[in-house]
Amino acid sequence: EEVAVEEEEEELLGRVFVIGQVANPGAFEFSQDNPLSALQAL
């Protein structure tokens, strides 16, 4: 889990999960200010 830091309070993180027939299934985090697309997650 990300440790809350005062300087980064405004930068909220999101997490998506990729499972199934992929090389490296797992969880991937991204910034709400820099959204992740389906292609990027794959």
Full PDB file with SEQRES, HELIX, SHEET, SSBOND, CRYST1, ORIGX, SCALE, CONECT and MASTER records, all heavy atoms in Angstrom:
SEQRES   1 A   42  GLU GLU VAL ALA VAL GLU GLU GLU GLU GLU GLU LEU LEU          
SEQRES   2 A   42  GLY ARG VAL PHE VAL ILE GLY GLN VAL ALA ASN PRO GLY          
SEQRES   3 A   42  ALA PHE GLU PHE SER GLN ASP ASN PRO LEU SER ALA LEU          
SEQRES   4 A   42  GLN ALA LEU                                                  
HELIX    1 AA1 GLU A    6  GLU A    8  5                                   3    
HELIX    2 AA2 ALA A   38  ALA A   41  1                                   4    
SHEET    1 AA1 2 LEU A  13  VAL A  18  0                                        
SHEET    2 AA1 2 GLY A  26  SER A  31 -1                                        
CRYST1    1.000    1.000    1.000  90.00  90.00  90.00 P 1           1          
ORIGX1      1.000000  0.000000  0.000000        0.00000                         
ORIGX2      0.000000  1.000000  0.000000        0.00000                         
ORIGX3      0.000000  0.000000  1.000000        0.00000                         
SCALE1      1.000000  0.000000  0.000000        0.00000                         
SCALE2      0.000000  1.000000  0.000000        0.00000                         
SCALE3      0.000000  0.000000  1.000000        0.00000                         
ATOM      1  N   GLU A   1       0.841  -1.196   0.000  1.00  0.00           N  
ATOM      2  CA  GLU A   1       0.000   0.000   0.000  1.00  0.00           C  
ATOM      3  C   GLU A   1       0.875   1.244   0.000  1.00  0.00           C  
ATOM      4  O   GLU A   1       1.906   1.310   0.659  1.00  0.00           O  
ATOM      5  CB  GLU A   1      -0.906   0.013   1.241  1.00  0.00           C  
ATOM      6  CG  GLU A   1      -1.884  -1.148   1.291  1.00  0.00           C  
ATOM      7  CD  GLU A   1      -2.890  -1.082   0.155  1.00  0.00           C  
ATOM      8  OE1 GLU A   1      -3.159   0.030  -0.331  1.00  0.00           O  
ATOM      9  OE2 GLU A   1      -3.393  -2.137  -0.242  1.00  0.00           O  
ATOM     10  N   GLU A   2       0.445   2.234  -0.758  1.00  0.00           N  
ATOM     11  CA  GLU A   2       1.183   3.485  -0.825  1.00  0.00           C  
ATOM     12  C   GLU A   2       1.089   4.203   0.504  1.00  0.00           C  
ATOM     13  O   GLU A   2       0.040   4.282   1.136  1.00  0.00           O  
ATOM     14  CB  GLU A   2       0.607   4.390  -1.929  1.00  0.00           C  
ATOM     15  CG  GLU A   2       0.822   3.839  -3.317  1.00  0.00           C  
ATOM     16  CD  GLU A   2       2.277   3.854  -3.720  1.00  0.00           C  
ATOM     17  OE1 GLU A   2       2.998   4.753  -3.255  1.00  0.00           O  
ATOM     18  OE2 GLU A   2       2.682   2.968  -4.482  1.00  0.00           O  
ATOM     19  N   VAL A   3       2.233   4.727   0.994  1.00  0.00           N  
ATOM     20  CA  VAL A   3       2.272   5.512   2.220  1.00  0.00           C  
ATOM     21  C   VAL A   3       1.876   6.941   1.887  1.00  0.00           C  
ATOM     22  O   VAL A   3       2.416   7.550   0.966  1.00  0.00           O  
ATOM     23  CB  VAL A   3       3.681   5.490   2.844  1.00  0.00           C  
ATOM     24  CG1 VAL A   3       3.696   6.342   4.113  1.00  0.00           C  
ATOM     25  CG2 VAL A   3       4.107   4.066   3.139  1.00  0.00           C  
ATOM     26  N   ALA A   4       0.930   7.475   2.633  1.00  0.00           N  
ATOM     27  CA  ALA A   4       0.460   8.841   2.379  1.00  0.00           C  
ATOM     28  C   ALA A   4       1.557   9.839   2.692  1.00  0.00           C  
ATOM     29  O   ALA A   4       2.167   9.815   3.760  1.00  0.00           O  
ATOM     30  CB  ALA A   4      -0.770   9.128   3.235  1.00  0.00           C  
ATOM     31  N   VAL A   5       1.820  10.734   1.774  1.00  0.00           N  
ATOM     32  CA  VAL A   5       2.804  11.795   1.953  1.00  0.00           C  
ATOM     33  C   VAL A   5       2.106  13.114   1.710  1.00  0.00           C  
ATOM     34  O   VAL A   5       1.357  13.256   0.745  1.00  0.00           O  
ATOM     35  CB  VAL A   5       3.985  11.637   0.947  1.00  0.00           C  
ATOM     36  CG1 VAL A   5       5.005  12.741   1.156  1.00  0.00           C  
ATOM     37  CG2 VAL A   5       4.628  10.264   1.106  1.00  0.00           C  
ATOM     38  N   GLU A   6       2.330  14.090   2.585  1.00  0.00           N  
ATOM     39  CA  GLU A   6       1.617  15.355   2.502  1.00  0.00           C  
ATOM     40  C   GLU A   6       1.790  16.019   1.152  1.00  0.00           C  
ATOM     41  O   GLU A   6       0.853  16.575   0.591  1.00  0.00           O  
ATOM     42  CB  GLU A   6       2.101  16.306   3.613  1.00  0.00           C  
ATOM     43  CG  GLU A   6       1.699  15.850   5.004  1.00  0.00           C  
ATOM     44  CD  GLU A   6       2.093  16.855   6.053  1.00  0.00           C  
ATOM     45  OE1 GLU A   6       2.642  17.912   5.665  1.00  0.00           O  
ATOM     46  OE2 GLU A   6       1.862  16.599   7.243  1.00  0.00           O  
ATOM     47  N   GLU A   7       3.011  15.950   0.592  1.00  0.00           N  
ATOM     48  CA  GLU A   7       3.262  16.611  -0.686  1.00  0.00           C  
ATOM     49  C   GLU A   7       2.500  15.948  -1.830  1.00  0.00           C  
ATOM     50  O   GLU A   7       2.330  16.550  -2.891  1.00  0.00           O  
ATOM     51  CB  GLU A   7       4.765  16.601  -1.012  1.00  0.00           C  
ATOM     52  CG  GLU A   7       5.617  17.445  -0.084  1.00  0.00           C  
ATOM     53  CD  GLU A   7       5.892  16.706   1.218  1.00  0.00           C  
ATOM     54  OE1 GLU A   7       5.534  15.514   1.302  1.00  0.00           O  
ATOM     55  OE2 GLU A   7       6.453  17.318   2.138  1.00  0.00           O  
ATOM     56  N   GLU A   8       2.064  14.681  -1.644  1.00  0.00           N  
ATOM     57  CA  GLU A   8       1.425  13.967  -2.735  1.00  0.00           C  
ATOM     58  C   GLU A   8      -0.038  13.678  -2.443  1.00  0.00           C  
ATOM     59  O   GLU A   8      -0.646  12.817  -3.066  1.00  0.00           O  
ATOM     60  CB  GLU A   8       2.167  12.646  -2.987  1.00  0.00           C  
ATOM     61  CG  GLU A   8       3.629  12.849  -3.382  1.00  0.00           C  
ATOM     62  CD  GLU A   8       4.330  11.523  -3.610  1.00  0.00           C  
ATOM     63  OE1 GLU A   8       3.692  10.472  -3.375  1.00  0.00           O  
ATOM     64  OE2 GLU A   8       5.497  11.533  -4.005  1.00  0.00           O  
ATOM     65  N   GLU A   9      -0.623  14.392  -1.485  1.00  0.00           N  
ATOM     66  CA  GLU A   9      -2.004  14.144  -1.105  1.00  0.00           C  
ATOM     67  C   GLU A   9      -2.967  14.357  -2.265  1.00  0.00           C  
ATOM     68  O   GLU A   9      -3.989  13.685  -2.375  1.00  0.00           O  
ATOM     69  CB  GLU A   9      -2.403  15.041   0.072  1.00  0.00           C  
ATOM     70  CG  GLU A   9      -1.826  14.553   1.400  1.00  0.00           C  
ATOM     71  CD  GLU A   9      -2.308  15.410   2.540  1.00  0.00           C  
ATOM     72  OE1 GLU A   9      -2.904  16.480   2.273  1.00  0.00           O  
ATOM     73  OE2 GLU A   9      -2.085  15.037   3.701  1.00  0.00           O  
ATOM     74  N   GLU A  10      -2.628  15.308  -3.152  1.00  0.00           N  
ATOM     75  CA  GLU A  10      -3.533  15.627  -4.244  1.00  0.00           C  
ATOM     76  C   GLU A  10      -3.430  14.629  -5.388  1.00  0.00           C  
ATOM     77  O   GLU A  10      -4.288  14.578  -6.249  1.00  0.00           O  
ATOM     78  CB  GLU A  10      -3.254  17.042  -4.753  1.00  0.00           C  
ATOM     79  CG  GLU A  10      -3.529  18.116  -3.703  1.00  0.00           C  
ATOM     80  CD  GLU A  10      -3.268  19.503  -4.240  1.00  0.00           C  
ATOM     81  OE1 GLU A  10      -2.849  19.600  -5.412  1.00  0.00           O  
ATOM     82  OE2 GLU A  10      -3.456  20.468  -3.502  1.00  0.00           O  
ATOM     83  N   GLU A  11      -2.346  13.838  -5.391  1.00  0.00           N  
ATOM     84  CA  GLU A  11      -2.149  12.877  -6.480  1.00  0.00           C  
ATOM     85  C   GLU A  11      -2.724  11.528  -6.078  1.00  0.00           C  
ATOM     86  O   GLU A  11      -2.054  10.679  -5.506  1.00  0.00           O  
ATOM     87  CB  GLU A  11      -0.659  12.734  -6.806  1.00  0.00           C  
ATOM     88  CG  GLU A  11      -0.404  11.840  -8.017  1.00  0.00           C  
ATOM     89  CD  GLU A  11       1.076  11.674  -8.284  1.00  0.00           C  
ATOM     90  OE1 GLU A  11       1.885  12.195  -7.522  1.00  0.00           O  
ATOM     91  OE2 GLU A  11       1.396  10.997  -9.264  1.00  0.00           O  
ATOM     92  N   LEU A  12      -3.997  11.301  -6.359  1.00  0.00           N  
ATOM     93  CA  LEU A  12      -4.660  10.061  -5.995  1.00  0.00           C  
ATOM     94  C   LEU A  12      -4.238   8.956  -6.950  1.00  0.00           C  
ATOM     95  O   LEU A  12      -4.080   9.176  -8.145  1.00  0.00           O  
ATOM     96  CB  LEU A  12      -6.180  10.248  -6.042  1.00  0.00           C  
ATOM     97  CG  LEU A  12      -6.740  11.322  -5.115  1.00  0.00           C  
ATOM     98  CD1 LEU A  12      -8.237  11.464  -5.327  1.00  0.00           C  
ATOM     99  CD2 LEU A  12      -6.431  11.004  -3.666  1.00  0.00           C  
ATOM    100  N   LEU A  13      -4.067   7.767  -6.408  1.00  0.00           N  
ATOM    101  CA  LEU A  13      -3.651   6.640  -7.234  1.00  0.00           C  
ATOM    102  C   LEU A  13      -4.819   5.691  -7.475  1.00  0.00           C  
ATOM    103  O   LEU A  13      -5.670   5.506  -6.610  1.00  0.00           O  
ATOM    104  CB  LEU A  13      -2.507   5.877  -6.562  1.00  0.00           C  
ATOM    105  CG  LEU A  13      -1.167   6.605  -6.448  1.00  0.00           C  
ATOM    106  CD1 LEU A  13      -0.173   5.737  -5.689  1.00  0.00           C  
ATOM    107  CD2 LEU A  13      -0.617   6.945  -7.822  1.00  0.00           C  
ATOM    108  N   GLY A  14      -4.836   5.108  -8.666  1.00  0.00           N  
ATOM    109  CA  GLY A  14      -5.820   4.078  -8.980  1.00  0.00           C  
ATOM    110  C   GLY A  14      -5.094   2.783  -9.262  1.00  0.00           C  
ATOM    111  O   GLY A  14      -3.883   2.779  -9.496  1.00  0.00           O  
ATOM    112  N   ARG A  15      -5.827   1.678  -9.237  1.00  0.00           N  
ATOM    113  CA  ARG A  15      -5.213   0.383  -9.493  1.00  0.00           C  
ATOM    114  C   ARG A  15      -6.150  -0.452 -10.357  1.00  0.00           C  
ATOM    115  O   ARG A  15      -7.338  -0.537 -10.083  1.00  0.00           O  
ATOM    116  CB  ARG A  15      -4.929  -0.343  -8.176  1.00  0.00           C  
ATOM    117  CG  ARG A  15      -4.294  -1.713  -8.334  1.00  0.00           C  
ATOM    118  CD  ARG A  15      -4.040  -2.352  -6.992  1.00  0.00           C  
ATOM    119  NE  ARG A  15      -3.082  -1.598  -6.216  1.00  0.00           N  
ATOM    120  CZ  ARG A  15      -2.833  -1.807  -4.923  1.00  0.00           C  
ATOM    121  NH1 ARG A  15      -3.497  -2.745  -4.284  1.00  0.00           N  
ATOM    122  NH2 ARG A  15      -1.941  -1.092  -4.294  1.00  0.00           N  
ATOM    123  N   VAL A  16      -5.604  -1.046 -11.416  1.00  0.00           N  
ATOM    124  CA  VAL A  16      -6.382  -1.940 -12.271  1.00  0.00           C  
ATOM    125  C   VAL A  16      -5.708  -3.306 -12.272  1.00  0.00           C  
ATOM    126  O   VAL A  16      -4.520  -3.428 -11.958  1.00  0.00           O  
ATOM    127  CB  VAL A  16      -6.487  -1.401 -13.718  1.00  0.00           C  
ATOM    128  CG1 VAL A  16      -7.216  -0.069 -13.746  1.00  0.00           C  
ATOM    129  CG2 VAL A  16      -5.108  -1.274 -14.359  1.00  0.00           C  
ATOM    130  N   PHE A  17      -6.479  -4.319 -12.633  1.00  0.00           N  
ATOM    131  CA  PHE A  17      -5.992  -5.694 -12.612  1.00  0.00           C  
ATOM    132  C   PHE A  17      -6.131  -6.295 -14.002  1.00  0.00           C  
ATOM    133  O   PHE A  17      -7.142  -6.102 -14.668  1.00  0.00           O  
ATOM    134  CB  PHE A  17      -6.788  -6.525 -11.606  1.00  0.00           C  
ATOM    135  CG  PHE A  17      -6.751  -5.979 -10.210  1.00  0.00           C  
ATOM    136  CD1 PHE A  17      -7.609  -4.962  -9.828  1.00  0.00           C  
ATOM    137  CD2 PHE A  17      -5.852  -6.469  -9.277  1.00  0.00           C  
ATOM    138  CE1 PHE A  17      -7.583  -4.446  -8.540  1.00  0.00           C  
ATOM    139  CE2 PHE A  17      -5.815  -5.965  -7.984  1.00  0.00           C  
ATOM    140  CZ  PHE A  17      -6.682  -4.951  -7.616  1.00  0.00           C  
ATOM    141  N   VAL A  18      -5.095  -7.015 -14.437  1.00  0.00           N  
ATOM    142  CA  VAL A  18      -5.126  -7.701 -15.736  1.00  0.00           C  
ATOM    143  C   VAL A  18      -4.907  -9.186 -15.467  1.00  0.00           C  
ATOM    144  O   VAL A  18      -3.902  -9.579 -14.868  1.00  0.00           O  
ATOM    145  CB  VAL A  18      -4.047  -7.180 -16.690  1.00  0.00           C  
ATOM    146  CG1 VAL A  18      -4.177  -7.849 -18.055  1.00  0.00           C  
ATOM    147  CG2 VAL A  18      -4.146  -5.665 -16.844  1.00  0.00           C  
ATOM    148  N   ILE A  19      -5.862 -10.011 -15.897  1.00  0.00           N  
ATOM    149  CA  ILE A  19      -5.777 -11.447 -15.638  1.00  0.00           C  
ATOM    150  C   ILE A  19      -6.069 -12.232 -16.919  1.00  0.00           C  
ATOM    151  O   ILE A  19      -6.558 -11.677 -17.899  1.00  0.00           O  
ATOM    152  CB  ILE A  19      -6.770 -11.879 -14.541  1.00  0.00           C  
ATOM    153  CG1 ILE A  19      -8.219 -11.597 -14.982  1.00  0.00           C  
ATOM    154  CG2 ILE A  19      -6.485 -11.168 -13.238  1.00  0.00           C  
ATOM    155  CD1 ILE A  19      -9.262 -12.076 -13.985  1.00  0.00           C  
ATOM    156  N   GLY A  20      -5.754 -13.513 -16.886  1.00  0.00           N  
ATOM    157  CA  GLY A  20      -6.041 -14.360 -18.041  1.00  0.00           C  
ATOM    158  C   GLY A  20      -4.829 -14.612 -18.910  1.00  0.00           C  
ATOM    159  O   GLY A  20      -3.695 -14.722 -18.420  1.00  0.00           O  
ATOM    160  N   GLN A  21      -5.038 -14.633 -20.217  1.00  0.00           N  
ATOM    161  CA  GLN A  21      -4.015 -15.003 -21.190  1.00  0.00           C  
ATOM    162  C   GLN A  21      -3.098 -13.826 -21.538  1.00  0.00           C  
ATOM    163  O   GLN A  21      -3.102 -13.295 -22.646  1.00  0.00           O  
ATOM    164  CB  GLN A  21      -4.663 -15.556 -22.459  1.00  0.00           C  
ATOM    165  CG  GLN A  21      -5.359 -16.891 -22.260  1.00  0.00           C  
ATOM    166  CD  GLN A  21      -4.380 -17.992 -21.885  1.00  0.00           C  
ATOM    167  OE1 GLN A  21      -3.347 -18.156 -22.526  1.00  0.00           O  
ATOM    168  NE2 GLN A  21      -4.690 -18.747 -20.851  1.00  0.00           N  
ATOM    169  N   VAL A  22      -2.312 -13.402 -20.543  1.00  0.00           N  
ATOM    170  CA  VAL A  22      -1.292 -12.376 -20.745  1.00  0.00           C  
ATOM    171  C   VAL A  22       0.012 -12.880 -20.157  1.00  0.00           C  
ATOM    172  O   VAL A  22       0.017 -13.818 -19.352  1.00  0.00           O  
ATOM    173  CB  VAL A  22      -1.687 -11.030 -20.080  1.00  0.00           C  
ATOM    174  CG1 VAL A  22      -2.861 -10.392 -20.800  1.00  0.00           C  
ATOM    175  CG2 VAL A  22      -2.002 -11.220 -18.597  1.00  0.00           C  
ATOM    176  N   ALA A  23       1.118 -12.244 -20.549  1.00  0.00           N  
ATOM    177  CA  ALA A  23       2.426 -12.721 -20.107  1.00  0.00           C  
ATOM    178  C   ALA A  23       2.644 -12.506 -18.609  1.00  0.00           C  
ATOM    179  O   ALA A  23       3.215 -13.357 -17.928  1.00  0.00           O  
ATOM    180  CB  ALA A  23       3.527 -12.013 -20.904  1.00  0.00           C  
ATOM    181  N   ASN A  24       2.197 -11.354 -18.094  1.00  0.00           N  
ATOM    182  CA  ASN A  24       2.444 -11.015 -16.693  1.00  0.00           C  
ATOM    183  C   ASN A  24       1.178 -10.512 -16.019  1.00  0.00           C  
ATOM    184  O   ASN A  24       0.988  -9.304 -15.859  1.00  0.00           O  
ATOM    185  CB  ASN A  24       3.543  -9.944 -16.595  1.00  0.00           C  
ATOM    186  CG  ASN A  24       4.840 -10.377 -17.239  1.00  0.00           C  
ATOM    187  OD1 ASN A  24       5.421 -11.385 -16.868  1.00  0.00           O  
ATOM    188  ND2 ASN A  24       5.300  -9.615 -18.220  1.00  0.00           N  
ATOM    189  N   PRO A  25       0.269 -11.400 -15.621  1.00  0.00           N  
ATOM    190  CA  PRO A  25      -0.945 -10.945 -14.933  1.00  0.00           C  
ATOM    191  C   PRO A  25      -0.590 -10.272 -13.620  1.00  0.00           C  
ATOM    192  O   PRO A  25       0.396 -10.625 -12.969  1.00  0.00           O  
ATOM    193  CB  PRO A  25      -1.719 -12.249 -14.711  1.00  0.00           C  
ATOM    194  CG  PRO A  25      -0.677 -13.319 -14.716  1.00  0.00           C  
ATOM    195  CD  PRO A  25       0.358 -12.869 -15.688  1.00  0.00           C  
ATOM    196  N   GLY A  26      -1.382  -9.284 -13.233  1.00  0.00           N  
ATOM    197  CA  GLY A  26      -1.095  -8.601 -11.978  1.00  0.00           C  
ATOM    198  C   GLY A  26      -1.872  -7.308 -11.842  1.00  0.00           C  
ATOM    199  O   GLY A  26      -2.782  -7.004 -12.623  1.00  0.00           O  
ATOM    200  N   ALA A  27      -1.504  -6.536 -10.817  1.00  0.00           N  
ATOM    201  CA  ALA A  27      -2.141  -5.251 -10.535  1.00  0.00           C  
ATOM    202  C   ALA A  27      -1.203  -4.126 -10.977  1.00  0.00           C  
ATOM    203  O   ALA A  27       0.016  -4.210 -10.792  1.00  0.00           O  
ATOM    204  CB  ALA A  27      -2.436  -5.132  -9.044  1.00  0.00           C  
ATOM    205  N   PHE A  28      -1.772  -3.079 -11.562  1.00  0.00           N  
ATOM    206  CA  PHE A  28      -0.975  -1.966 -12.070  1.00  0.00           C  
ATOM    207  C   PHE A  28      -1.586  -0.644 -11.586  1.00  0.00           C  
ATOM    208  O   PHE A  28      -2.790  -0.432 -11.704  1.00  0.00           O  
ATOM    209  CB  PHE A  28      -0.925  -1.997 -13.599  1.00  0.00           C  
ATOM    210  CG  PHE A  28      -0.378  -3.292 -14.144  1.00  0.00           C  
ATOM    211  CD1 PHE A  28      -1.233  -4.323 -14.509  1.00  0.00           C  
ATOM    212  CD2 PHE A  28       0.987  -3.488 -14.247  1.00  0.00           C  
ATOM    213  CE1 PHE A  28      -0.747  -5.532 -14.984  1.00  0.00           C  
ATOM    214  CE2 PHE A  28       1.494  -4.702 -14.724  1.00  0.00           C  
ATOM    215  CZ  PHE A  28       0.625  -5.718 -15.095  1.00  0.00           C  
ATOM    216  N   GLU A  29      -0.735   0.213 -11.028  1.00  0.00           N  
ATOM    217  CA  GLU A  29      -1.203   1.477 -10.468  1.00  0.00           C  
ATOM    218  C   GLU A  29      -1.016   2.623 -11.457  1.00  0.00           C  
ATOM    219  O   GLU A  29      -0.149   2.575 -12.336  1.00  0.00           O  
ATOM    220  CB  GLU A  29      -0.470   1.781  -9.173  1.00  0.00           C  
ATOM    221  CG  GLU A  29      -0.819   0.830  -8.040  1.00  0.00           C  
ATOM    222  CD  GLU A  29      -0.196   1.244  -6.723  1.00  0.00           C  
ATOM    223  OE1 GLU A  29       0.780   2.014  -6.748  1.00  0.00           O  
ATOM    224  OE2 GLU A  29      -0.688   0.800  -5.668  1.00  0.00           O  
ATOM    225  N   PHE A  30      -1.840   3.645 -11.303  1.00  0.00           N  
ATOM    226  CA  PHE A  30      -1.728   4.826 -12.160  1.00  0.00           C  
ATOM    227  C   PHE A  30      -2.215   6.038 -11.388  1.00  0.00           C  
ATOM    228  O   PHE A  30      -2.907   5.922 -10.378  1.00  0.00           O  
ATOM    229  CB  PHE A  30      -2.545   4.642 -13.451  1.00  0.00           C  
ATOM    230  CG  PHE A  30      -4.037   4.493 -13.211  1.00  0.00           C  
ATOM    231  CD1 PHE A  30      -4.882   5.595 -13.279  1.00  0.00           C  
ATOM    232  CD2 PHE A  30      -4.590   3.257 -12.918  1.00  0.00           C  
ATOM    233  CE1 PHE A  30      -6.245   5.467 -13.054  1.00  0.00           C  
ATOM    234  CE2 PHE A  30      -5.954   3.114 -12.698  1.00  0.00           C  
ATOM    235  CZ  PHE A  30      -6.785   4.222 -12.771  1.00  0.00           C  
ATOM    236  N   SER A  31      -1.834   7.206 -11.886  1.00  0.00           N  
ATOM    237  CA  SER A  31      -2.269   8.457 -11.269  1.00  0.00           C  
ATOM    238  C   SER A  31      -3.592   8.884 -11.878  1.00  0.00           C  
ATOM    239  O   SER A  31      -3.811   8.739 -13.081  1.00  0.00           O  
ATOM    240  CB  SER A  31      -1.207   9.545 -11.502  1.00  0.00           C  
ATOM    241  OG  SER A  31      -1.733  10.816 -11.187  1.00  0.00           O  
ATOM    242  N   GLN A  32      -4.470   9.431 -11.035  1.00  0.00           N  
ATOM    243  CA  GLN A  32      -5.747   9.919 -11.543  1.00  0.00           C  
ATOM    244  C   GLN A  32      -5.525  11.068 -12.532  1.00  0.00           C  
ATOM    245  O   GLN A  32      -6.364  11.323 -13.395  1.00  0.00           O  
ATOM    246  CB  GLN A  32      -6.633  10.397 -10.384  1.00  0.00           C  
ATOM    247  CG  GLN A  32      -6.966   9.284  -9.381  1.00  0.00           C  
ATOM    248  CD  GLN A  32      -7.967   8.289  -9.924  1.00  0.00           C  
ATOM    249  OE1 GLN A  32      -8.258   8.272 -11.112  1.00  0.00           O  
ATOM    250  NE2 GLN A  32      -8.489   7.437  -9.065  1.00  0.00           N  
ATOM    251  N   ASP A  33      -4.397  11.753 -12.403  1.00  0.00           N  
ATOM    252  CA  ASP A  33      -4.081  12.835 -13.334  1.00  0.00           C  
ATOM    253  C   ASP A  33      -3.504  12.311 -14.649  1.00  0.00           C  
ATOM    254  O   ASP A  33      -3.347  13.057 -15.609  1.00  0.00           O  
ATOM    255  CB  ASP A  33      -3.070  13.808 -12.697  1.00  0.00           C  
ATOM    256  CG  ASP A  33      -3.643  14.511 -11.476  1.00  0.00           C  
ATOM    257  OD1 ASP A  33      -4.874  14.720 -11.448  1.00  0.00           O  
ATOM    258  OD2 ASP A  33      -2.876  14.833 -10.561  1.00  0.00           O  
ATOM    259  N   ASN A  34      -3.157  11.048 -14.657  1.00  0.00           N  
ATOM    260  CA  ASN A  34      -2.581  10.439 -15.859  1.00  0.00           C  
ATOM    261  C   ASN A  34      -3.254   9.081 -16.084  1.00  0.00           C  
ATOM    262  O   ASN A  34      -2.680   8.031 -15.825  1.00  0.00           O  
ATOM    263  CB  ASN A  34      -1.073  10.267 -15.691  1.00  0.00           C  
ATOM    264  CG  ASN A  34      -0.408   9.806 -16.977  1.00  0.00           C  
ATOM    265  OD1 ASN A  34      -0.956   9.969 -18.070  1.00  0.00           O  
ATOM    266  ND2 ASN A  34       0.757   9.205 -16.846  1.00  0.00           N  
ATOM    267  N   PRO A  35      -4.521   9.086 -16.570  1.00  0.00           N  
ATOM    268  CA  PRO A  35      -5.309   7.849 -16.690  1.00  0.00           C  
ATOM    269  C   PRO A  35      -4.608   6.798 -17.547  1.00  0.00           C  
ATOM    270  O   PRO A  35      -3.800   7.098 -18.418  1.00  0.00           O  
ATOM    271  CB  PRO A  35      -6.609   8.326 -17.355  1.00  0.00           C  
ATOM    272  CG  PRO A  35      -6.669   9.786 -17.077  1.00  0.00           C  
ATOM    273  CD  PRO A  35      -5.253  10.256 -17.060  1.00  0.00           C  
ATOM    274  N   LEU A  36      -4.961   5.562 -17.264  1.00  0.00           N  
ATOM    275  CA  LEU A  36      -4.404   4.414 -17.981  1.00  0.00           C  
ATOM    276  C   LEU A  36      -5.466   3.881 -18.934  1.00  0.00           C  
ATOM    277  O   LEU A  36      -6.625   3.727 -18.560  1.00  0.00           O  
ATOM    278  CB  LEU A  36      -4.010   3.336 -16.971  1.00  0.00           C  
ATOM    279  CG  LEU A  36      -3.065   2.219 -17.416  1.00  0.00           C  
ATOM    280  CD1 LEU A  36      -1.702   2.794 -17.747  1.00  0.00           C  
ATOM    281  CD2 LEU A  36      -2.943   1.192 -16.290  1.00  0.00           C  
ATOM    282  N   SER A  37      -5.081   3.617 -20.179  1.00  0.00           N  
ATOM    283  CA  SER A  37      -6.026   3.050 -21.139  1.00  0.00           C  
ATOM    284  C   SER A  37      -5.936   1.535 -21.121  1.00  0.00           C  
ATOM    285  O   SER A  37      -4.999   0.952 -20.561  1.00  0.00           O  
ATOM    286  CB  SER A  37      -5.717   3.559 -22.554  1.00  0.00           C  
ATOM    287  OG  SER A  37      -4.528   2.964 -23.050  1.00  0.00           O  
ATOM    288  N   ALA A  38      -6.903   0.883 -21.746  1.00  0.00           N  
ATOM    289  CA  ALA A  38      -6.902  -0.577 -21.810  1.00  0.00           C  
ATOM    290  C   ALA A  38      -5.654  -1.090 -22.534  1.00  0.00           C  
ATOM    291  O   ALA A  38      -5.042  -2.077 -22.113  1.00  0.00           O  
ATOM    292  CB  ALA A  38      -8.160  -1.062 -22.512  1.00  0.00           C  
ATOM    293  N   LEU A  39      -5.266  -0.429 -23.608  1.00  0.00           N  
ATOM    294  CA  LEU A  39      -4.081  -0.851 -24.345  1.00  0.00           C  
ATOM    295  C   LEU A  39      -2.822  -0.722 -23.499  1.00  0.00           C  
ATOM    296  O   LEU A  39      -1.940  -1.590 -23.526  1.00  0.00           O  
ATOM    297  CB  LEU A  39      -3.931  -0.006 -25.625  1.00  0.00           C  
ATOM    298  CG  LEU A  39      -4.766  -0.438 -26.832  1.00  0.00           C  
ATOM    299  CD1 LEU A  39      -4.529   0.505 -27.999  1.00  0.00           C  
ATOM    300  CD2 LEU A  39      -4.435  -1.868 -27.233  1.00  0.00           C  
ATOM    301  N   GLN A  40      -2.725   0.375 -22.735  1.00  0.00           N  
ATOM    302  CA  GLN A  40      -1.553   0.569 -21.890  1.00  0.00           C  
ATOM    303  C   GLN A  40      -1.484  -0.493 -20.800  1.00  0.00           C  
ATOM    304  O   GLN A  40      -0.412  -1.022 -20.502  1.00  0.00           O  
ATOM    305  CB  GLN A  40      -1.596   1.964 -21.270  1.00  0.00           C  
ATOM    306  CG  GLN A  40      -1.352   3.081 -22.278  1.00  0.00           C  
ATOM    307  CD  GLN A  40      -1.618   4.464 -21.697  1.00  0.00           C  
ATOM    308  OE1 GLN A  40      -2.510   4.634 -20.860  1.00  0.00           O  
ATOM    309  NE2 GLN A  40      -0.850   5.450 -22.124  1.00  0.00           N  
ATOM    310  N   ALA A  41      -2.638  -0.808 -20.212  1.00  0.00           N  
ATOM    311  CA  ALA A  41      -2.674  -1.828 -19.165  1.00  0.00           C  
ATOM    312  C   ALA A  41      -2.275  -3.189 -19.720  1.00  0.00           C  
ATOM    313  O   ALA A  41      -1.521  -3.938 -19.089  1.00  0.00           O  
ATOM    314  CB  ALA A  41      -4.066  -1.893 -18.546  1.00  0.00           C  
ATOM    315  N   LEU A  42      -2.758  -3.508 -20.918  1.00  0.00           N  
ATOM    316  CA  LEU A  42      -2.396  -4.779 -21.542  1.00  0.00           C  
ATOM    317  C   LEU A  42      -0.903  -4.816 -21.875  1.00  0.00           C  
ATOM    318  O   LEU A  42      -0.251  -5.861 -21.757  1.00  0.00           O  
ATOM    319  CB  LEU A  42      -3.225  -4.995 -22.806  1.00  0.00           C  
ATOM    320  CG  LEU A  42      -4.696  -5.360 -22.579  1.00  0.00           C  
ATOM    321  CD1 LEU A  42      -5.482  -5.281 -23.885  1.00  0.00           C  
ATOM    322  CD2 LEU A  42      -4.813  -6.753 -21.974  1.00  0.00           C  
TER     323      LEU A  42                                                      
MASTER        0    0    0    2    2    0    0    6  322    1    0    4          
END                                                                             
